[in-house]
Amino acid sequence: MPEQNNAFLEQIPEHLKDGAEIHSIYDMSVFRPRCFATGATIQTKDYHICLPTSTPPPLFIEGTEYQYQKGRIILLPPDTCVSIENALPDASLYSTEYIKVIFQ
């Protein structure tokens, strides 16, 4: 049986895992939460690719605010600090892919 990407699962705040769709195998995971990670600061350990299907709230990446639009890919390299300060609870349509760092 394939192993789960536990490093990916450890990066997700516990409250975001509730009701989320998570597919994880070997060095790649797909995560579809029910809400944005508001009030949490996440330090990415791996590559982080976000595919928003609705306009996400502003993201703070390394302390700088960015506003992305629906349908735009957000790519974050390892060791990036990301946070969302405010978001509407129903604005949660996105998926996130994590790819384990193996190219070092």
N, C-alpha and C. Protein backbone atom coordinates (compact mmCIF):
# COMPACT_ATOMS: atom_id res chain seq x y z
N MET A 1 0.84 -1.18 0.00
CA MET A 1 0.00 0.00 0.00
C MET A 1 0.89 1.25 0.00
N PRO A 2 0.57 2.27 -0.82
CA PRO A 2 1.37 3.49 -0.86
C PRO A 2 1.36 4.22 0.48
N GLU A 3 2.47 4.86 0.77
CA GLU A 3 2.56 5.61 2.02
C GLU A 3 1.95 6.99 1.87
N GLN A 4 1.43 7.52 2.98
CA GLN A 4 0.84 8.84 3.00
C GLN A 4 1.93 9.89 3.19
N ASN A 5 1.72 11.07 2.64
CA ASN A 5 2.67 12.17 2.77
C ASN A 5 2.40 12.87 4.10
N ASN A 6 2.92 12.33 5.20
CA ASN A 6 2.65 12.85 6.53
C ASN A 6 3.22 14.25 6.76
N ALA A 7 4.33 14.58 6.12
CA ALA A 7 4.89 15.93 6.25
C ALA A 7 3.90 16.97 5.76
N PHE A 8 3.18 16.65 4.70
CA PHE A 8 2.14 17.54 4.19
C PHE A 8 1.03 17.71 5.23
N LEU A 9 0.55 16.62 5.77
CA LEU A 9 -0.55 16.67 6.73
C LEU A 9 -0.19 17.47 7.97
N GLU A 10 1.06 17.43 8.37
CA GLU A 10 1.52 18.17 9.55
C GLU A 10 1.50 19.68 9.32
N GLN A 11 1.56 20.13 8.06
CA GLN A 11 1.58 21.57 7.76
C GLN A 11 0.19 22.20 7.85
N ILE A 12 -0.85 21.39 7.85
CA ILE A 12 -2.21 21.91 7.83
C ILE A 12 -2.71 22.12 9.25
N PRO A 13 -3.19 23.35 9.58
CA PRO A 13 -3.79 23.55 10.90
C PRO A 13 -4.97 22.60 11.10
N GLU A 14 -5.10 22.08 12.30
CA GLU A 14 -6.12 21.05 12.60
C GLU A 14 -7.53 21.47 12.19
N HIS A 15 -7.91 22.73 12.45
CA HIS A 15 -9.29 23.14 12.15
C HIS A 15 -9.58 23.13 10.65
N LEU A 16 -8.56 23.18 9.80
CA LEU A 16 -8.78 23.13 8.36
C LEU A 16 -8.98 21.71 7.84
N LYS A 17 -8.56 20.73 8.60
CA LYS A 17 -8.71 19.33 8.17
C LYS A 17 -10.15 18.86 8.29
N ASP A 18 -10.94 19.47 9.20
CA ASP A 18 -12.33 19.06 9.39
C ASP A 18 -13.13 19.26 8.11
N GLY A 19 -13.65 18.19 7.56
CA GLY A 19 -14.48 18.25 6.37
C GLY A 19 -13.71 18.46 5.08
N ALA A 20 -12.38 18.52 5.15
CA ALA A 20 -11.58 18.73 3.94
C ALA A 20 -11.43 17.43 3.16
N GLU A 21 -11.26 17.58 1.87
CA GLU A 21 -10.96 16.45 1.01
C GLU A 21 -9.44 16.38 0.88
N ILE A 22 -8.84 15.27 1.29
CA ILE A 22 -7.39 15.13 1.29
C ILE A 22 -7.01 13.84 0.57
N HIS A 23 -6.14 13.97 -0.42
CA HIS A 23 -5.59 12.82 -1.13
C HIS A 23 -4.08 12.94 -1.02
N SER A 24 -3.44 11.93 -0.47
CA SER A 24 -2.01 12.01 -0.22
C SER A 24 -1.35 10.68 -0.54
N ILE A 25 -0.30 10.74 -1.34
CA ILE A 25 0.43 9.54 -1.69
C ILE A 25 1.89 9.91 -1.96
N TYR A 26 2.78 9.13 -1.43
CA TYR A 26 4.22 9.33 -1.60
C TYR A 26 4.61 10.79 -1.35
N ASP A 27 5.08 11.48 -2.39
CA ASP A 27 5.62 12.83 -2.23
C ASP A 27 4.69 13.92 -2.74
N MET A 28 3.40 13.62 -2.90
CA MET A 28 2.46 14.61 -3.40
C MET A 28 1.12 14.47 -2.70
N SER A 29 0.48 15.62 -2.43
CA SER A 29 -0.82 15.62 -1.78
C SER A 29 -1.72 16.68 -2.41
N VAL A 30 -3.03 16.41 -2.40
CA VAL A 30 -4.03 17.36 -2.85
C VAL A 30 -4.96 17.61 -1.68
N PHE A 31 -5.24 18.88 -1.42
CA PHE A 31 -6.03 19.29 -0.26
C PHE A 31 -7.11 20.26 -0.73
N ARG A 32 -8.38 19.95 -0.44
CA ARG A 32 -9.50 20.84 -0.76
C ARG A 32 -10.25 21.15 0.54
N PRO A 33 -9.89 22.25 1.18
CA PRO A 33 -10.52 22.61 2.45
C PRO A 33 -11.89 23.24 2.24
N ARG A 34 -12.61 23.39 3.35
CA ARG A 34 -13.93 24.02 3.31
C ARG A 34 -13.85 25.51 3.61
N CYS A 35 -12.68 25.99 4.06
CA CYS A 35 -12.52 27.41 4.36
C CYS A 35 -11.06 27.81 4.18
N PHE A 36 -10.82 29.11 4.11
CA PHE A 36 -9.45 29.60 4.01
C PHE A 36 -8.80 29.58 5.39
N ALA A 37 -7.49 29.56 5.41
CA ALA A 37 -6.71 29.47 6.65
C ALA A 37 -6.56 30.85 7.30
N THR A 38 -7.68 31.45 7.71
CA THR A 38 -7.61 32.78 8.31
C THR A 38 -7.04 32.72 9.71
N GLY A 39 -6.28 33.76 10.04
CA GLY A 39 -5.72 33.86 11.38
C GLY A 39 -4.54 32.94 11.64
N ALA A 40 -4.12 32.19 10.64
CA ALA A 40 -3.00 31.26 10.83
C ALA A 40 -1.85 31.69 9.93
N THR A 41 -0.64 31.52 10.44
CA THR A 41 0.55 31.73 9.64
C THR A 41 1.15 30.37 9.36
N ILE A 42 1.40 30.11 8.10
CA ILE A 42 1.93 28.81 7.68
C ILE A 42 3.31 29.02 7.07
N GLN A 43 4.27 28.25 7.52
CA GLN A 43 5.61 28.24 6.94
C GLN A 43 5.68 27.01 6.05
N THR A 44 5.68 27.19 4.75
CA THR A 44 5.67 26.04 3.85
C THR A 44 6.98 25.26 3.99
N LYS A 45 6.85 23.96 4.00
CA LYS A 45 8.02 23.08 4.07
C LYS A 45 8.33 22.52 2.68
N ASP A 46 7.31 22.51 1.83
CA ASP A 46 7.42 21.93 0.51
C ASP A 46 6.88 22.92 -0.52
N TYR A 47 6.90 22.54 -1.78
CA TYR A 47 6.27 23.36 -2.81
C TYR A 47 4.77 23.38 -2.55
N HIS A 48 4.15 24.53 -2.74
CA HIS A 48 2.74 24.72 -2.43
C HIS A 48 2.12 25.39 -3.65
N ILE A 49 1.16 24.72 -4.28
CA ILE A 49 0.50 25.25 -5.47
C ILE A 49 -0.99 25.38 -5.14
N CYS A 50 -1.51 26.59 -5.23
CA CYS A 50 -2.91 26.84 -4.92
C CYS A 50 -3.64 27.19 -6.21
N LEU A 51 -4.80 26.55 -6.42
CA LEU A 51 -5.63 26.76 -7.61
C LEU A 51 -7.00 27.28 -7.17
N PRO A 52 -7.14 28.59 -6.99
CA PRO A 52 -8.42 29.12 -6.51
C PRO A 52 -9.49 29.13 -7.61
N THR A 53 -10.67 28.60 -7.30
CA THR A 53 -11.80 28.64 -8.22
C THR A 53 -12.78 29.75 -7.84
N SER A 54 -12.43 30.51 -6.80
CA SER A 54 -13.11 31.75 -6.46
C SER A 54 -12.00 32.73 -6.07
N THR A 55 -12.28 34.02 -6.09
CA THR A 55 -11.26 35.00 -5.74
C THR A 55 -10.91 34.86 -4.26
N PRO A 56 -9.64 34.57 -3.96
CA PRO A 56 -9.26 34.39 -2.55
C PRO A 56 -9.09 35.73 -1.85
N PRO A 57 -9.13 35.72 -0.53
CA PRO A 57 -8.84 36.96 0.22
C PRO A 57 -7.36 37.31 0.04
N PRO A 58 -6.97 38.53 0.38
CA PRO A 58 -5.55 38.90 0.25
C PRO A 58 -4.65 37.95 1.04
N LEU A 59 -3.54 37.58 0.43
CA LEU A 59 -2.53 36.75 1.09
C LEU A 59 -1.35 37.63 1.47
N PHE A 60 -0.79 37.34 2.61
CA PHE A 60 0.45 37.99 3.02
C PHE A 60 1.55 36.95 2.85
N ILE A 61 2.43 37.22 1.90
CA ILE A 61 3.54 36.32 1.60
C ILE A 61 4.82 37.03 1.98
N GLU A 62 5.52 36.46 2.97
CA GLU A 62 6.74 37.08 3.50
C GLU A 62 6.48 38.53 3.89
N GLY A 63 5.28 38.80 4.45
CA GLY A 63 4.94 40.12 4.97
C GLY A 63 4.40 41.11 3.95
N THR A 64 4.34 40.75 2.68
CA THR A 64 3.82 41.63 1.63
C THR A 64 2.44 41.13 1.21
N GLU A 65 1.49 42.06 1.09
CA GLU A 65 0.13 41.70 0.72
C GLU A 65 0.00 41.52 -0.79
N TYR A 66 -0.68 40.43 -1.19
CA TYR A 66 -0.95 40.13 -2.59
C TYR A 66 -2.42 39.80 -2.74
N GLN A 67 -3.04 40.29 -3.81
CA GLN A 67 -4.42 39.95 -4.11
C GLN A 67 -4.45 39.16 -5.42
N TYR A 68 -4.81 37.89 -5.33
CA TYR A 68 -4.90 37.03 -6.50
C TYR A 68 -6.34 36.97 -6.98
N GLN A 69 -6.52 36.52 -8.20
CA GLN A 69 -7.84 36.41 -8.79
C GLN A 69 -8.20 34.95 -9.03
N LYS A 70 -9.48 34.72 -9.16
CA LYS A 70 -10.01 33.40 -9.50
C LYS A 70 -9.30 32.88 -10.75
N GLY A 71 -8.91 31.61 -10.73
CA GLY A 71 -8.31 30.98 -11.89
C GLY A 71 -6.82 31.23 -12.06
N ARG A 72 -6.19 32.00 -11.19
CA ARG A 72 -4.75 32.25 -11.27
C ARG A 72 -4.03 31.29 -10.34
N ILE A 73 -2.95 30.70 -10.83
CA ILE A 73 -2.18 29.76 -10.02
C ILE A 73 -1.28 30.53 -9.07
N ILE A 74 -1.25 30.09 -7.81
CA ILE A 74 -0.37 30.67 -6.80
C ILE A 74 0.69 29.61 -6.49
N LEU A 75 1.93 29.93 -6.75
CA LEU A 75 3.02 28.99 -6.52
C LEU A 75 3.95 29.52 -5.44
N LEU A 76 4.14 28.72 -4.40
CA LEU A 76 5.01 29.10 -3.29
C LEU A 76 6.13 28.08 -3.15
N PRO A 77 7.37 28.55 -3.08
CA PRO A 77 8.49 27.63 -2.87
C PRO A 77 8.58 27.22 -1.40
N PRO A 78 9.40 26.24 -1.09
CA PRO A 78 9.60 25.86 0.31
C PRO A 78 10.13 27.02 1.14
N ASP A 79 9.86 26.96 2.44
CA ASP A 79 10.32 27.96 3.41
C ASP A 79 9.75 29.35 3.17
N THR A 80 8.48 29.42 2.75
CA THR A 80 7.79 30.68 2.55
C THR A 80 6.76 30.87 3.64
N CYS A 81 6.72 32.06 4.22
CA CYS A 81 5.76 32.39 5.28
C CYS A 81 4.51 32.99 4.64
N VAL A 82 3.34 32.38 4.89
CA VAL A 82 2.08 32.79 4.28
C VAL A 82 1.02 32.95 5.36
N SER A 83 0.19 34.00 5.24
CA SER A 83 -0.93 34.15 6.17
C SER A 83 -2.09 34.84 5.47
N ILE A 84 -3.29 34.61 6.00
CA ILE A 84 -4.52 35.26 5.55
C ILE A 84 -5.14 35.86 6.80
N GLU A 85 -5.36 37.17 6.79
CA GLU A 85 -5.90 37.81 8.00
C GLU A 85 -7.41 37.74 8.07
N ASN A 86 -8.09 38.00 6.96
CA ASN A 86 -9.56 38.00 6.96
C ASN A 86 -10.07 37.32 5.71
N ALA A 87 -11.17 36.58 5.86
CA ALA A 87 -11.80 35.94 4.71
C ALA A 87 -13.27 35.70 5.00
N LEU A 88 -14.07 35.72 3.97
CA LEU A 88 -15.47 35.36 4.12
C LEU A 88 -15.58 33.85 4.24
N PRO A 89 -16.40 33.35 5.17
CA PRO A 89 -16.48 31.91 5.38
C PRO A 89 -16.94 31.12 4.15
N ASP A 90 -17.73 31.75 3.27
CA ASP A 90 -18.22 31.01 2.11
C ASP A 90 -17.28 31.11 0.90
N ALA A 91 -16.22 31.89 1.00
CA ALA A 91 -15.27 32.03 -0.11
C ALA A 91 -14.18 30.98 0.05
N SER A 92 -14.52 29.74 -0.21
CA SER A 92 -13.58 28.66 0.10
C SER A 92 -13.33 27.70 -1.04
N LEU A 93 -13.60 28.10 -2.24
CA LEU A 93 -13.45 27.18 -3.35
C LEU A 93 -12.04 27.22 -3.92
N TYR A 94 -11.22 26.32 -3.46
CA TYR A 94 -9.87 26.21 -3.98
C TYR A 94 -9.31 24.85 -3.62
N SER A 95 -8.25 24.47 -4.30
CA SER A 95 -7.53 23.27 -3.91
C SER A 95 -6.06 23.63 -3.82
N THR A 96 -5.35 22.88 -3.01
CA THR A 96 -3.93 23.12 -2.82
C THR A 96 -3.19 21.82 -3.02
N GLU A 97 -2.11 21.88 -3.76
CA GLU A 97 -1.26 20.72 -3.97
C GLU A 97 0.08 20.98 -3.29
N TYR A 98 0.55 19.98 -2.60
CA TYR A 98 1.86 20.06 -1.96
C TYR A 98 2.75 19.02 -2.62
N ILE A 99 3.93 19.42 -2.99
CA ILE A 99 4.89 18.50 -3.59
C ILE A 99 6.14 18.52 -2.74
N LYS A 100 6.52 17.37 -2.24
CA LYS A 100 7.67 17.25 -1.35
C LYS A 100 8.95 17.71 -2.04
N VAL A 101 9.78 18.41 -1.29
CA VAL A 101 11.05 18.88 -1.82
C VAL A 101 11.99 17.71 -2.03
N ILE A 102 12.38 17.47 -3.28
CA ILE A 102 13.34 16.42 -3.56
C ILE A 102 14.46 16.92 -4.46
N PHE A 103 14.33 18.16 -4.94
CA PHE A 103 15.31 18.74 -5.85
C PHE A 103 16.21 19.70 -5.10
N GLN A 104 17.09 19.21 -4.27
CA GLN A 104 17.97 20.10 -3.50
C GLN A 104 19.40 19.78 -3.74
